[in-house]
C-alpha atoms as a PDB file:
ATOM      1  CA  UNK A   1     214.532  17.629 -50.202  1.00  0.00           C
ATOM      2  CA  UNK A   2     212.677  15.264 -52.584  1.00  0.00           C
ATOM      3  CA  UNK A   3     212.198  15.845 -56.295  1.00  0.00           C
ATOM      4  CA  UNK A   4     210.076  18.930 -56.854  1.00  0.00           C
ATOM      5  CA  UNK A   5     207.664  19.465 -59.749  1.00  0.00           C
ATOM      6  CA  UNK A   6     208.030  22.483 -61.984  1.00  0.00           C
ATOM      7  CA  UNK A   7     205.437  25.249 -61.470  1.00  0.00           C
ATOM      8  CA  UNK A   8     202.021  24.470 -62.937  1.00  0.00           C
ATOM      9  CA  UNK A   9     201.856  27.191 -65.540  1.00  0.00           C
ATOM     10  CA  UNK A  10     202.801  27.492 -69.206  1.00  0.00           C
ATOM     11  CA  UNK A  11     203.578  30.328 -71.588  1.00  0.00           C
ATOM     12  CA  UNK A  12     200.850  30.396 -74.296  1.00  0.00           C
ATOM     13  CA  UNK A  13     201.867  28.114 -77.152  1.00  0.00           C
ATOM     14  CA  UNK A  14     201.937  30.921 -79.736  1.00  0.00           C
ATOM     15  CA  UNK A  15     204.532  32.801 -77.631  1.00  0.00           C
ATOM     16  CA  UNK A  16     206.811  29.832 -76.976  1.00  0.00           C
ATOM     17  CA  UNK A  17     209.993  29.514 -79.069  1.00  0.00           C
ATOM     18  CA  UNK A  18     209.903  27.026 -81.942  1.00  0.00           C
ATOM     19  CA  UNK A  19     213.085  24.891 -82.195  1.00  0.00           C
ATOM     20  CA  UNK A  20     212.855  25.022 -86.014  1.00  0.00           C
ATOM     21  CA  UNK A  21     213.440  28.788 -85.920  1.00  0.00           C
ATOM     22  CA  UNK A  22     216.890  28.541 -84.301  1.00  0.00           C
ATOM     23  CA  UNK A  23     220.304  27.408 -85.505  1.00  0.00           C
ATOM     24  CA  UNK A  24     221.334  26.165 -82.046  1.00  0.00           C
ATOM     25  CA  UNK A  25     220.022  23.327 -79.888  1.00  0.00           C
ATOM     26  CA  UNK A  26     217.140  25.136 -78.227  1.00  0.00           C
ATOM     27  CA  UNK A  27     216.169  22.273 -75.928  1.00  0.00           C
ATOM     28  CA  UNK A  28     219.741  21.959 -74.612  1.00  0.00           C
ATOM     29  CA  UNK A  29     219.946  25.710 -73.993  1.00  0.00           C
ATOM     30  CA  UNK A  30     216.683  25.699 -72.062  1.00  0.00           C
ATOM     31  CA  UNK A  31     217.837  22.776 -69.908  1.00  0.00           C
ATOM     32  CA  UNK A  32     220.599  25.072 -68.620  1.00  0.00           C
ATOM     33  CA  UNK A  33     217.910  27.224 -66.962  1.00  0.00           C
ATOM     34  CA  UNK A  34     216.965  26.031 -63.470  1.00  0.00           C
ATOM     35  CA  UNK A  35     214.507  27.038 -60.809  1.00  0.00           C
ATOM     36  CA  UNK A  36     215.883  28.708 -57.670  1.00  0.00           C
ATOM     37  CA  UNK A  37     214.094  28.414 -54.327  1.00  0.00           C
ATOM     38  CA  UNK A  38     215.491  29.899 -51.142  1.00  0.00           C
ATOM     39  CA  UNK A  39     214.628  30.219 -47.475  1.00  0.00           C
ATOM     40  CA  UNK A  40     215.720  33.279 -45.481  1.00  0.00           C
ATOM     41  CA  UNK A  41     215.518  33.531 -41.664  1.00  0.00           C
ATOM     42  CA  UNK A  42     212.657  35.648 -40.338  1.00  0.00           C
ATOM     43  CA  UNK A  43     215.088  37.939 -38.494  1.00  0.00           C
ATOM     44  CA  UNK A  44     217.218  38.629 -41.585  1.00  0.00           C
ATOM     45  CA  UNK A  45     217.618  42.298 -42.566  1.00  0.00           C
ATOM     46  CA  UNK A  46     215.835  41.794 -45.929  1.00  0.00           C
ATOM     47  CA  UNK A  47     213.083  39.468 -44.663  1.00  0.00           C
ATOM     48  CA  UNK A  48     210.583  42.291 -44.231  1.00  0.00           C
ATOM     49  CA  UNK A  49     210.989  43.654 -47.757  1.00  0.00           C
ATOM     50  CA  UNK A  50     211.862  40.562 -49.816  1.00  0.00           C
ATOM     51  CA  UNK A  51     210.179  37.837 -47.779  1.00  0.00           C
ATOM     52  CA  UNK A  52     211.526  34.633 -46.294  1.00  0.00           C
ATOM     53  CA  UNK A  53     210.509  32.244 -49.102  1.00  0.00           C
ATOM     54  CA  UNK A  54     211.799  33.349 -52.512  1.00  0.00           C
ATOM     55  CA  UNK A  55     211.298  31.679 -55.864  1.00  0.00           C
ATOM     56  CA  UNK A  56     212.867  32.459 -59.219  1.00  0.00           C
ATOM     57  CA  UNK A  57     215.337  31.173 -61.745  1.00  0.00           C
ATOM     58  CA  UNK A  58     219.000  30.877 -62.595  1.00  0.00           C
ATOM     59  CA  UNK A  59     221.157  29.614 -65.435  1.00  0.00           C
ATOM     60  CA  UNK A  60     224.126  27.265 -65.306  1.00  0.00           C
ATOM     61  CA  UNK A  61     227.167  29.087 -66.726  1.00  0.00           C
ATOM     62  CA  UNK A  62     229.907  26.563 -65.912  1.00  0.00           C
ATOM     63  CA  UNK A  63     230.032  22.787 -66.165  1.00  0.00           C
ATOM     64  CA  UNK A  64     230.908  22.540 -62.462  1.00  0.00           C
ATOM     65  CA  UNK A  65     227.403  23.755 -61.548  1.00  0.00           C
ATOM     66  CA  UNK A  66     227.971  27.506 -61.170  1.00  0.00           C
ATOM     67  CA  UNK A  67     224.594  29.233 -61.507  1.00  0.00           C
ATOM     68  CA  UNK A  68     223.984  32.887 -62.336  1.00  0.00           C
ATOM     69  CA  UNK A  69     220.815  34.413 -60.887  1.00  0.00           C
ATOM     70  CA  UNK A  70     219.503  37.724 -59.658  1.00  0.00           C
ATOM     71  CA  UNK A  71     220.918  38.625 -56.283  1.00  0.00           C
ATOM     72  CA  UNK A  72     217.751  39.441 -54.344  1.00  0.00           C
ATOM     73  CA  UNK A  73     216.697  35.789 -54.572  1.00  0.00           C
ATOM     74  CA  UNK A  74     219.710  34.591 -52.581  1.00  0.00           C
ATOM     75  CA  UNK A  75     220.447  37.547 -50.277  1.00  0.00           C
ATOM     76  CA  UNK A  76     220.776  36.210 -46.710  1.00  0.00           C
ATOM     77  CA  UNK A  77     219.492  32.781 -47.791  1.00  0.00           C
ATOM     78  CA  UNK A  78     220.287  29.921 -45.418  1.00  0.00           C
ATOM     79  CA  UNK A  79     218.818  27.302 -47.759  1.00  0.00           C
ATOM     80  CA  UNK A  80     219.106  27.246 -51.557  1.00  0.00           C
ATOM     81  CA  UNK A  81     217.619  24.622 -53.871  1.00  0.00           C
ATOM     82  CA  UNK A  82     218.172  24.380 -57.618  1.00  0.00           C
ATOM     83  CA  UNK A  83     215.349  22.707 -59.550  1.00  0.00           C
ATOM     84  CA  UNK A  84     216.169  21.127 -62.918  1.00  0.00           C
ATOM     85  CA  UNK A  85     213.818  20.962 -65.907  1.00  0.00           C
ATOM     86  CA  UNK A  86     212.794  17.418 -64.947  1.00  0.00           C
ATOM     87  CA  UNK A  87     211.966  18.332 -61.334  1.00  0.00           C
ATOM     88  CA  UNK A  88     215.115  17.210 -59.512  1.00  0.00           C
ATOM     89  CA  UNK A  89     216.167  19.333 -56.526  1.00  0.00           C
ATOM     90  CA  UNK A  90     219.876  19.892 -55.842  1.00  0.00           C
ATOM     91  CA  UNK A  91     221.143  21.849 -52.847  1.00  0.00           C
ATOM     92  CA  UNK A  92     223.129  24.995 -53.573  1.00  0.00           C
ATOM     93  CA  UNK A  93     225.355  27.473 -51.754  1.00  0.00           C
ATOM     94  CA  UNK A  94     224.822  31.242 -52.085  1.00  0.00           C
ATOM     95  CA  UNK A  95     228.305  32.129 -53.239  1.00  0.00           C
ATOM     96  CA  UNK A  96     228.208  35.867 -53.946  1.00  0.00           C
ATOM     97  CA  UNK A  97     225.973  38.894 -54.481  1.00  0.00           C
ATOM     98  CA  UNK A  98     227.264  41.866 -56.464  1.00  0.00           C
ATOM     99  CA  UNK A  99     225.547  44.964 -55.083  1.00  0.00           C
ATOM    100  CA  UNK A 100     226.423  47.143 -58.082  1.00  0.00           C
ATOM    101  CA  UNK A 101     225.007  44.966 -60.876  1.00  0.00           C
ATOM    102  CA  UNK A 102     222.482  42.964 -58.886  1.00  0.00           C
ATOM    103  CA  UNK A 103     223.862  39.586 -60.009  1.00  0.00           C
ATOM    104  CA  UNK A 104     224.026  36.621 -57.663  1.00  0.00           C
ATOM    105  CA  UNK A 105     226.025  33.406 -57.925  1.00  0.00           C
ATOM    106  CA  UNK A 106     225.076  29.986 -56.569  1.00  0.00           C
ATOM    107  CA  UNK A 107     227.277  26.902 -56.527  1.00  0.00           C
ATOM    108  CA  UNK A 108     225.437  23.604 -56.903  1.00  0.00           C
ATOM    109  CA  UNK A 109     226.493  21.175 -54.171  1.00  0.00           C
ATOM    110  CA  UNK A 110     225.530  18.120 -56.206  1.00  0.00           C
ATOM    111  CA  UNK A 111     225.458  17.065 -59.824  1.00  0.00           C
ATOM    112  CA  UNK A 112     222.888  19.014 -61.843  1.00  0.00           C
ATOM    113  CA  UNK A 113     223.379  17.015 -65.012  1.00  0.00           C
ATOM    114  CA  UNK A 114     222.471  19.900 -67.320  1.00  0.00           C
ATOM    115  CA  UNK A 115     224.550  21.786 -69.906  1.00  0.00           C
ATOM    116  CA  UNK A 116     226.123  25.176 -69.267  1.00  0.00           C
ATOM    117  CA  UNK A 117     225.187  28.237 -71.287  1.00  0.00           C
ATOM    118  CA  UNK A 118     228.007  30.334 -72.714  1.00  0.00           C
ATOM    119  CA  UNK A 119     228.087  34.058 -71.962  1.00  0.00           C
ATOM    120  CA  UNK A 120     227.305  36.199 -74.991  1.00  0.00           C
ATOM    121  CA  UNK A 121     228.068  39.738 -76.152  1.00  0.00           C
ATOM    122  CA  UNK A 122     225.242  41.674 -74.546  1.00  0.00           C
ATOM    123  CA  UNK A 123     226.716  45.009 -75.686  1.00  0.00           C
ATOM    124  CA  UNK A 124     225.924  43.984 -79.262  1.00  0.00           C
ATOM    125  CA  UNK A 125     222.261  43.241 -78.471  1.00  0.00           C
ATOM    126  CA  UNK A 126     220.519  46.148 -80.172  1.00  0.00           C
ATOM    127  CA  UNK A 127     216.981  47.469 -79.978  1.00  0.00           C
ATOM    128  CA  UNK A 128     214.800  45.352 -82.265  1.00  0.00           C
ATOM    129  CA  UNK A 129     216.795  42.167 -81.728  1.00  0.00           C
ATOM    130  CA  UNK A 130     214.846  38.966 -81.145  1.00  0.00           C
ATOM    131  CA  UNK A 131     215.629  36.844 -78.094  1.00  0.00           C
ATOM    132  CA  UNK A 132     214.210  34.259 -75.706  1.00  0.00           C
ATOM    133  CA  UNK A 133     213.469  34.879 -72.041  1.00  0.00           C
ATOM    134  CA  UNK A 134     213.396  31.548 -70.249  1.00  0.00           C
ATOM    135  CA  UNK A 135     212.444  30.391 -66.756  1.00  0.00           C
ATOM    136  CA  UNK A 136     213.213  26.953 -65.345  1.00  0.00           C
ATOM    137  CA  UNK A 137     211.071  24.185 -66.774  1.00  0.00           C
ATOM    138  CA  UNK A 138     211.910  23.988 -70.475  1.00  0.00           C
ATOM    139  CA  UNK A 139     210.224  25.378 -73.571  1.00  0.00           C
ATOM    140  CA  UNK A 140     206.790  25.648 -71.912  1.00  0.00           C
ATOM    141  CA  UNK A 141     208.271  28.287 -69.588  1.00  0.00           C
ATOM    142  CA  UNK A 142     210.094  30.264 -72.293  1.00  0.00           C
ATOM    143  CA  UNK A 143     208.802  33.220 -74.260  1.00  0.00           C
ATOM    144  CA  UNK A 144     209.928  34.718 -77.556  1.00  0.00           C
ATOM    145  CA  UNK A 145     210.603  38.371 -76.897  1.00  0.00           C
ATOM    146  CA  UNK A 146     212.227  41.404 -78.470  1.00  0.00           C
ATOM    147  CA  UNK A 147     214.571  44.096 -77.203  1.00  0.00           C
ATOM    148  CA  UNK A 148     212.488  47.276 -77.031  1.00  0.00           C
ATOM    149  CA  UNK A 149     214.985  49.488 -75.212  1.00  0.00           C
ATOM    150  CA  UNK A 150     218.632  49.913 -74.165  1.00  0.00           C
ATOM    151  CA  UNK A 151     219.035  52.676 -71.631  1.00  0.00           C
ATOM    152  CA  UNK A 152     220.009  53.614 -68.106  1.00  0.00           C
ATOM    153  CA  UNK A 153     217.840  52.348 -65.265  1.00  0.00           C
ATOM    154  CA  UNK A 154     217.722  53.942 -61.811  1.00  0.00           C
ATOM    155  CA  UNK A 155     216.052  52.048 -58.961  1.00  0.00           C
ATOM    156  CA  UNK A 156     214.636  53.593 -55.809  1.00  0.00           C
ATOM    157  CA  UNK A 157     216.747  51.241 -53.611  1.00  0.00           C
ATOM    158  CA  UNK A 158     220.092  53.006 -54.367  1.00  0.00           C
ATOM    159  CA  UNK A 159     220.655  51.174 -57.644  1.00  0.00           C
ATOM    160  CA  UNK A 160     221.783  52.383 -61.039  1.00  0.00           C
ATOM    161  CA  UNK A 161     222.457  50.290 -64.125  1.00  0.00           C
ATOM    162  CA  UNK A 162     224.014  51.539 -67.344  1.00  0.00           C
ATOM    163  CA  UNK A 163     222.634  50.266 -70.651  1.00  0.00           C
ATOM    164  CA  UNK A 164     219.977  47.967 -69.187  1.00  0.00           C
ATOM    165  CA  UNK A 165     218.034  45.704 -71.555  1.00  0.00           C
ATOM    166  CA  UNK A 166     214.256  46.091 -71.810  1.00  0.00           C
ATOM    167  CA  UNK A 167     212.223  43.353 -73.511  1.00  0.00           C
ATOM    168  CA  UNK A 168     208.594  42.792 -74.509  1.00  0.00           C
ATOM    169  CA  UNK A 169     206.347  40.877 -74.362  1.00  0.00           C
ATOM    170  CA  UNK A 170     207.076  40.421 -70.684  1.00  0.00           C
ATOM    171  CA  UNK A 171     207.753  37.094 -68.992  1.00  0.00           C
ATOM    172  CA  UNK A 172     205.401  36.535 -66.020  1.00  0.00           C
ATOM    173  CA  UNK A 173     208.069  34.659 -64.003  1.00  0.00           C
ATOM    174  CA  UNK A 174     211.001  36.945 -64.701  1.00  0.00           C
ATOM    175  CA  UNK A 175     213.162  36.817 -61.544  1.00  0.00           C
ATOM    176  CA  UNK A 176     216.554  35.389 -62.518  1.00  0.00           C
ATOM    177  CA  UNK A 177     215.289  34.255 -65.919  1.00  0.00           C
ATOM    178  CA  UNK A 178     217.781  33.780 -68.753  1.00  0.00           C
ATOM    179  CA  UNK A 179     217.804  36.080 -71.784  1.00  0.00           C
ATOM    180  CA  UNK A 180     219.139  33.962 -74.649  1.00  0.00           C
ATOM    181  CA  UNK A 181     220.235  35.592 -77.882  1.00  0.00           C
ATOM    182  CA  UNK A 182     219.744  34.312 -81.436  1.00  0.00           C
ATOM    183  CA  UNK A 183     223.225  32.776 -81.222  1.00  0.00           C
ATOM    184  CA  UNK A 184     222.225  30.586 -78.264  1.00  0.00           C
ATOM    185  CA  UNK A 185     224.368  32.492 -75.761  1.00  0.00           C
ATOM    186  CA  UNK A 186     223.339  34.113 -72.486  1.00  0.00           C
ATOM    187  CA  UNK A 187     222.745  37.858 -72.790  1.00  0.00           C
ATOM    188  CA  UNK A 188     221.360  38.761 -69.393  1.00  0.00           C
ATOM    189  CA  UNK A 189     219.365  37.931 -66.271  1.00  0.00           C
ATOM    190  CA  UNK A 190     215.798  39.025 -65.616  1.00  0.00           C
ATOM    191  CA  UNK A 191     215.363  41.485 -62.762  1.00  0.00           C
ATOM    192  CA  UNK A 192     212.036  43.334 -62.922  1.00  0.00           C
ATOM    193  CA  UNK A 193     208.719  43.732 -64.680  1.00  0.00           C
ATOM    194  CA  UNK A 194     207.754  47.304 -65.566  1.00  0.00           C
ATOM    195  CA  UNK A 195     204.682  48.970 -67.023  1.00  0.00           C
ATOM    196  CA  UNK A 196     204.747  51.704 -69.630  1.00  0.00           C
ATOM    197  CA  UNK A 197     201.728  53.770 -70.586  1.00  0.00           C
ATOM    198  CA  UNK A 198     198.334  54.201 -68.925  1.00  0.00           C
ATOM    199  CA  UNK A 199     195.441  51.911 -68.116  1.00  0.00           C
ATOM    200  CA  UNK A 200     193.986  52.155 -71.607  1.00  0.00           C
ATOM    201  CA  UNK A 201     197.191  51.270 -73.441  1.00  0.00           C
ATOM    202  CA  UNK A 202     199.794  49.671 -71.226  1.00  0.00           C
ATOM    203  CA  UNK A 203     202.896  47.725 -72.223  1.00  0.00           C
ATOM    204  CA  UNK A 204     204.454  45.268 -69.801  1.00  0.00           C
ATOM    205  CA  UNK A 205     208.183  44.694 -70.243  1.00  0.00           C
ATOM    206  CA  UNK A 206     211.059  43.101 -68.405  1.00  0.00           C
ATOM    207  CA  UNK A 207     214.246  44.814 -67.285  1.00  0.00           C
ATOM    208  CA  UNK A 208     217.224  42.520 -67.814  1.00  0.00           C
ATOM    209  CA  UNK A 209     220.726  42.972 -66.373  1.00  0.00           C
ATOM    210  CA  UNK A 210     223.261  42.512 -69.219  1.00  0.00           C
ATOM    211  CA  UNK A 211     226.020  39.936 -68.754  1.00  0.00           C
ATOM    212  CA  UNK A 212     228.496  42.660 -69.760  1.00  0.00           C
ATOM    213  CA  UNK A 213     228.231  43.761 -66.109  1.00  0.00           C
ATOM    214  CA  UNK A 214     229.257  40.297 -64.945  1.00  0.00           C
ATOM    215  CA  UNK A 215     232.451  39.807 -66.927  1.00  0.00           C
ATOM    216  CA  UNK A 216     234.613  42.427 -65.102  1.00  0.00           C
ATOM    217  CA  UNK A 217     233.701  41.134 -61.626  1.00  0.00           C
ATOM    218  CA  UNK A 218     233.198  37.393 -62.119  1.00  0.00           C
ATOM    219  CA  UNK A 219     236.665  36.307 -60.999  1.00  0.00           C
ATOM    220  CA  UNK A 220     236.511  38.514 -57.897  1.00  0.00           C
ATOM    221  CA  UNK A 221     233.053  37.217 -57.000  1.00  0.00           C
ATOM    222  CA  UNK A 222     234.346  33.656 -57.233  1.00  0.00           C
ATOM    223  CA  UNK A 223     237.496  34.238 -55.194  1.00  0.00           C
ATOM    224  CA  UNK A 224     236.486  37.035 -52.784  1.00  0.00           C
ATOM    225  CA  UNK A 225     232.705  36.822 -52.689  1.00  0.00           C
ATOM    226  CA  UNK A 226     232.444  40.456 -53.797  1.00  0.00           C
ATOM    227  CA  UNK A 227     233.861  42.902 -56.334  1.00  0.00           C
ATOM    228  CA  UNK A 228     237.390  44.174 -55.703  1.00  0.00           C
ATOM    229  CA  UNK A 229     236.543  47.899 -55.643  1.00  0.00           C
ATOM    230  CA  UNK A 230     235.643  49.496 -52.291  1.00  0.00           C
ATOM    231  CA  UNK A 231     231.942  49.214 -51.397  1.00  0.00           C
ATOM    232  CA  UNK A 232     229.791  52.193 -52.273  1.00  0.00           C
ATOM    233  CA  UNK A 233     228.339  54.401 -49.545  1.00  0.00           C
ATOM    234  CA  UNK A 234     224.812  53.296 -48.669  1.00  0.00           C
ATOM    235  CA  UNK A 235     222.198  55.372 -46.851  1.00  0.00           C
ATOM    236  CA  UNK A 236     219.244  53.012 -46.593  1.00  0.00           C
ATOM    237  CA  UNK A 237     216.674  55.328 -48.124  1.00  0.00           C
ATOM    238  CA  UNK A 238     214.107  54.666 -50.822  1.00  0.00           C
ATOM    239  CA  UNK A 239     213.816  57.671 -53.118  1.00  0.00           C
ATOM    240  CA  UNK A 240     211.122  58.339 -55.690  1.00  0.00           C
ATOM    241  CA  UNK A 241     210.668  60.838 -58.484  1.00  0.00           C
ATOM    242  CA  UNK A 242     207.514  62.929 -58.702  1.00  0.00           C
ATOM    243  CA  UNK A 243     206.488  66.193 -60.302  1.00  0.00           C
ATOM    244  CA  UNK A 244     208.065  68.161 -57.478  1.00  0.00           C
ATOM    245  CA  UNK A 245     211.446  66.417 -57.714  1.00  0.00           C
ATOM    246  CA  UNK A 246     212.779  63.680 -55.446  1.00  0.00           C
ATOM    247  CA  UNK A 247     211.094  62.521 -52.265  1.00  0.00           C
ATOM    248  CA  UNK A 248     212.003  59.993 -49.566  1.00  0.00           C
ATOM    249  CA  UNK A 249     209.381  57.269 -49.954  1.00  0.00           C
ATOM    250  CA  UNK A 250     210.702  55.063 -47.170  1.00  0.00           C
ATOM    251  CA  UNK A 251     213.675  54.194 -45.012  1.00  0.00           C
ATOM    252  CA  UNK A 252     215.459  50.961 -44.188  1.00  0.00           C
ATOM    253  CA  UNK A 253     214.883  50.140 -40.533  1.00  0.00           C
ATOM    254  CA  UNK A 254     218.082  50.792 -38.545  1.00  0.00           C
ATOM    255  CA  UNK A 255     219.721  52.116 -41.729  1.00  0.00           C
ATOM    256  CA  UNK A 256     222.076  55.114 -41.724  1.00  0.00           C
ATOM    257  CA  UNK A 257     219.510  57.605 -43.032  1.00  0.00           C
ATOM    258  CA  UNK A 258     216.884  56.602 -40.475  1.00  0.00           C
ATOM    259  CA  UNK A 259     219.433  56.766 -37.640  1.00  0.00           C
ATOM    260  CA  UNK A 260     220.532  60.254 -38.771  1.00  0.00           C
ATOM    261  CA  UNK A 261     216.990  61.648 -38.711  1.00  0.00           C
ATOM    262  CA  UNK A 262     215.953  61.590 -42.368  1.00  0.00           C
ATOM    263  CA  UNK A 263     212.153  61.271 -42.516  1.00  0.00           C
ATOM    264  CA  UNK A 264     209.699  59.733 -44.941  1.00  0.00           C
ATOM    265  CA  UNK A 265     208.240  62.530 -47.053  1.00  0.00           C
ATOM    266  CA  UNK A 266     211.400  64.657 -47.012  1.00  0.00           C
ATOM    267  CA  UNK A 267     212.215  66.217 -50.364  1.00  0.00           C
ATOM    268  CA  UNK A 268     215.797  65.628 -51.480  1.00  0.00           C
ATOM    269  CA  UNK A 269     217.269  68.884 -52.731  1.00  0.00           C
ATOM    270  CA  UNK A 270     220.973  68.103 -52.923  1.00  0.00           C
ATOM    271  CA  UNK A 271     224.025  66.157 -51.838  1.00  0.00           C
ATOM    272  CA  UNK A 272     226.520  68.496 -50.220  1.00  0.00           C
ATOM    273  CA  UNK A 273     226.512  71.707 -52.228  1.00  0.00           C
ATOM    274  CA  UNK A 274     225.311  69.992 -55.422  1.00  0.00           C
ATOM    275  CA  UNK A 275     221.677  69.935 -56.475  1.00  0.00           C
ATOM    276  CA  UNK A 276     220.043  66.729 -57.703  1.00  0.00           C
ATOM    277  CA  UNK A 277     217.135  66.499 -60.115  1.00  0.00           C
ATOM    278  CA  UNK A 278     216.545  62.784 -60.657  1.00  0.00           C
ATOM    279  CA  UNK A 279     217.367  59.367 -59.223  1.00  0.00           C
ATOM    280  CA  UNK A 280     220.345  58.683 -61.454  1.00  0.00           C
ATOM    281  CA  UNK A 281     221.928  62.012 -60.506  1.00  0.00           C
ATOM    282  CA  UNK A 282     221.230  61.398 -56.822  1.00  0.00           C
ATOM    283  CA  UNK A 283     222.972  58.016 -56.759  1.00  0.00           C
ATOM    284  CA  UNK A 284     225.941  59.257 -58.793  1.00  0.00           C
ATOM    285  CA  UNK A 285     226.418  62.222 -56.469  1.00  0.00           C
ATOM    286  CA  UNK A 286     226.106  59.932 -53.446  1.00  0.00           C
ATOM    287  CA  UNK A 287     228.653  57.407 -54.703  1.00  0.00           C
ATOM    288  CA  UNK A 288     231.074  60.184 -55.666  1.00  0.00           C
ATOM    289  CA  UNK A 289     231.579  61.313 -52.046  1.00  0.00           C
ATOM    290  CA  UNK A 290     233.881  58.371 -51.283  1.00  0.00           C
ATOM    291  CA  UNK A 291     233.730  54.748 -50.131  1.00  0.00           C
ATOM    292  CA  UNK A 292     231.281  53.323 -47.598  1.00  0.00           C
ATOM    293  CA  UNK A 293     231.696  55.025 -44.226  1.00  0.00           C
ATOM    294  CA  UNK A 294     232.135  58.488 -45.727  1.00  0.00           C
ATOM    295  CA  UNK A 295     229.776  61.114 -44.212  1.00  0.00           C
ATOM    296  CA  UNK A 296     227.136  62.370 -46.637  1.00  0.00           C
ATOM    297  CA  UNK A 297     225.442  65.738 -46.250  1.00  0.00           C
ATOM    298  CA  UNK A 298     221.853  65.735 -47.505  1.00  0.00           C
ATOM    299  CA  UNK A 299     219.958  68.958 -48.101  1.00  0.00           C
ATOM    300  CA  UNK A 300     216.253  68.302 -47.587  1.00  0.00           C
ATOM    301  CA  UNK A 301     212.936  70.102 -47.765  1.00  0.00           C
ATOM    302  CA  UNK A 302     210.629  69.404 -44.794  1.00  0.00           C
ATOM    303  CA  UNK A 303     207.371  71.126 -43.824  1.00  0.00           C
ATOM    304  CA  UNK A 304     208.177  74.181 -45.917  1.00  0.00           C
ATOM    305  CA  UNK A 305     211.665  74.571 -44.489  1.00  0.00           C
ATOM    306  CA  UNK A 306     215.122  73.490 -45.583  1.00  0.00           C
ATOM    307  CA  UNK A 307     217.125  71.221 -43.305  1.00  0.00           C
ATOM    308  CA  UNK A 308     220.574  69.699 -43.540  1.00  0.00           C
ATOM    309  CA  UNK A 309     221.226  66.154 -42.294  1.00  0.00           C
ATOM    310  CA  UNK A 310     224.644  64.568 -41.986  1.00  0.00           C
ATOM    311  CA  UNK A 311     224.463  60.810 -42.591  1.00  0.00           C
ATOM    312  CA  UNK A 312     227.339  58.448 -41.870  1.00  0.00           C
ATOM    313  CA  UNK A 313     227.101  56.095 -44.841  1.00  0.00           C
ATOM    314  CA  UNK A 314     227.647  52.355 -44.515  1.00  0.00           C
ATOM    315  CA  UNK A 315     228.518  49.247 -46.479  1.00  0.00           C
ATOM    316  CA  UNK A 316     225.140  47.733 -47.349  1.00  0.00           C
ATOM    317  CA  UNK A 317     226.501  44.200 -47.068  1.00  0.00           C
ATOM    318  CA  UNK A 318     227.452  44.782 -43.414  1.00  0.00           C
ATOM    319  CA  UNK A 319     223.726  44.715 -42.574  1.00  0.00           C
ATOM    320  CA  UNK A 320     223.226  41.333 -44.265  1.00  0.00           C
ATOM    321  CA  UNK A 321     223.751  37.821 -42.998  1.00  0.00           C
ATOM    322  CA  UNK A 322     226.740  36.179 -44.619  1.00  0.00           C
ATOM    323  CA  UNK A 323     226.035  33.015 -46.637  1.00  0.00           C
ATOM    324  CA  UNK A 324     226.044  29.936 -44.427  1.00  0.00           C
ATOM    325  CA  UNK A 325     228.873  27.545 -45.218  1.00  0.00           C
ATOM    326  CA  UNK A 326     227.822  23.993 -46.124  1.00  0.00           C
END
């Protein structure tokens, strides 16, 4: 692939970080942030939901070209390209995807020629702390932001993160972006953009996965391609909270829940003999039944009646294409 230009957009000048405000080499830190572009086969399991052409960011965390990104960018990718701040494209290999945290690792297959960013102490990043959220492309693609929340985050796709970082103002190109603390170290990786409030007064903010979730599994991801603990049971259902409780908003095609007869619109009343009231409780109860492969009994509300469905859970990664070796 030839050299590729950086995206033609800039953060407004008044929101960009000023090098004079920082005690570390800001320009060097921002050079560690690279663009990530991937191609996924059309018949891949995640192609329908995440697309076949994915674009985001990553950050070099080791001098040998190890890049930390957000996992959905590289899931099932057969081609990975890393784009440096000056537009050079270097091929990469999708090394690992940690289902629990959402982190992904890419190994550059050529020389990136950029510095590595040291991992910081994300547990010490308190509400009110100033930081920088940076996409690939240098200072023009970085925004000064502030931590506006530290709390649990539950995602509808069977995901739960303790002590997630929430920042505002939001970065418009957040996927895999690097959250850099005032000490110049990496604090987390951008995952989502969320809205808080109503149409009249709405705040956009980013959800960032703290690097504290990477440290315990990094060695296993590098040597095994996954965390050492047994994979969690996965059902392949998308659950949502509403005023009436929890409802099945969708199902993964060919997933365990769909195969067992769970239907879109079902209300989720409990797991086994335990009631569930919110997403976080649902996922905790699900993961507590045992490792992937353990049967899960769901109590559901459907058309005014209560039904019980027994779902044979699975390892989510077994549905995904393994990274192609280069």
